[in-house]
Protein backbone atom coordinates (compact mmCIF):
# COMPACT_ATOMS: atom_id res chain seq x y z
CA MET A 1 0.56 -0.02 -0.31
CA PRO A 2 1.80 3.41 -1.61
CA GLN A 3 2.31 5.81 1.96
CA TYR A 4 -0.30 8.31 2.42
CA ASN A 5 0.31 12.03 1.22
CA PHE A 6 -0.08 14.06 3.86
CA ASP A 7 1.28 17.07 2.42
CA ALA A 8 -1.67 16.88 -0.32
CA VAL A 9 -4.42 18.21 2.04
CA PRO A 10 -5.56 21.33 2.13
CA GLU A 11 -6.32 21.58 5.13
CA LYS A 12 -5.02 20.73 8.37
CA LYS A 13 -7.05 21.98 11.72
CA TYR A 14 -5.27 21.86 15.37
CA VAL A 15 -7.33 20.37 17.23
CA ASP A 16 -8.26 20.98 21.24
CA THR A 17 -10.05 18.76 22.33
CA VAL A 18 -11.22 15.47 22.01
CA HIS A 19 -13.28 13.03 23.11
CA LEU A 20 -14.17 9.33 23.12
CA ARG A 21 -16.45 6.72 24.20
CA ILE A 22 -17.85 2.99 22.23
CA ILE A 23 -21.48 3.08 21.67
CA HIS A 24 -22.93 0.16 20.33
CA GLY A 25 -20.13 -1.88 19.49
CA LEU A 26 -18.35 1.70 17.73
CA LEU A 27 -15.71 3.85 18.42
CA ASN A 28 -17.83 7.67 18.63
CA LEU A 29 -15.03 10.26 18.15
CA VAL A 30 -15.53 14.01 18.85
CA VAL A 31 -13.07 16.03 17.76
CA GLN A 32 -13.30 20.35 19.02
CA SER A 33 -11.01 23.19 17.46
CA GLY A 34 -11.66 26.18 18.61
CA ALA A 35 -15.68 26.43 18.18
CA THR A 36 -15.75 23.81 15.25
CA THR A 37 -16.96 20.64 16.35
CA THR A 38 -16.96 17.33 14.25
CA ALA A 39 -17.95 13.41 14.52
CA TYR A 40 -16.95 10.59 13.42
CA VAL A 41 -17.81 7.12 14.27
CA LEU A 42 -15.33 4.14 13.99
CA GLN A 43 -15.63 0.88 13.46
CA LEU A 44 -13.68 -1.34 16.15
CA PRO A 45 -10.93 -2.85 14.24
CA LEU A 46 -10.15 0.52 12.44
CA ALA A 47 -10.19 1.90 15.68
CA LYS A 48 -7.35 -0.45 17.17
CA LYS A 49 -5.11 0.12 14.23
CA VAL A 50 -5.47 4.21 15.08
CA ALA A 51 -4.70 3.72 18.54
CA LYS A 52 -1.74 1.08 17.63
CA ALA A 53 -0.10 3.51 14.63
CA THR A 54 -0.60 6.08 16.92
CA LEU A 55 1.18 4.24 20.06
CA GLN A 56 4.05 3.15 17.69
CA GLN A 57 4.96 6.64 16.36
CA VAL A 58 4.72 8.53 19.67
CA GLU A 59 7.56 6.09 21.56
CA GLU A 60 9.48 6.48 18.08
CA ILE A 61 9.97 10.24 18.86
CA GLU A 62 9.88 9.54 22.37
CA THR A 63 13.09 7.56 21.97
CA LYS A 64 14.58 9.09 19.33
CA ASN A 65 14.44 12.70 21.32
CA ASN A 66 15.37 10.90 24.76
CA VAL A 67 11.11 12.58 25.92
CA LYS A 68 8.76 10.73 28.02
CA PHE A 69 4.75 12.14 27.12
CA ASP A 70 2.10 11.92 30.17
CA ASP A 71 -0.15 9.85 29.54
CA ARG A 72 -2.54 9.87 31.93
CA LEU A 73 -6.07 9.94 31.34
CA PRO A 74 -8.13 12.74 33.18
CA HIS A 75 -9.19 10.34 35.75
CA GLU A 76 -4.99 8.74 36.59
CA PRO A 77 -3.50 10.77 39.97
CA MET A 78 -0.56 11.68 39.45
CA PRO A 79 2.44 10.06 40.91
CA THR A 80 3.91 11.64 43.42
CA PRO A 81 8.21 11.69 43.13
CA PHE A 82 8.24 11.19 46.87
CA THR A 83 7.88 7.73 49.05
CA PHE A 84 6.39 8.16 52.40
CA GLU A 85 6.76 4.65 55.16
CA ASN A 86 4.22 3.23 56.56
CA PRO A 87 4.90 3.25 60.33
CA LYS A 88 2.39 -0.40 60.46
CA ASP A 89 5.45 -1.27 58.45
CA GLU A 90 8.25 -0.39 61.77
CA GLU A 91 5.76 -2.29 63.92
CA LYS A 92 5.75 -5.25 62.23
CA LYS A 93 9.58 -5.52 61.74
CA GLY A 94 9.37 -4.86 65.47
């Protein structure tokens, strides 16, 4: 399959926000760019390919540039750089 020519696209829009949810076995993808909202529906095999291709390319960029992008979802907690000992652990030792 020939590589897609991204330079041939007449217009590219910066995406501010993305919302997605699987409803009735289809990925519903809502893309917001400024005041414009566009919705797409993808079959799950295509959604899986999009996710896999995106992850692969981002990981290549991270490796090449020695960076790590924050990939936490909004509901996932921020890991703390601090470690605290649990006082109960000391009681068990003694």
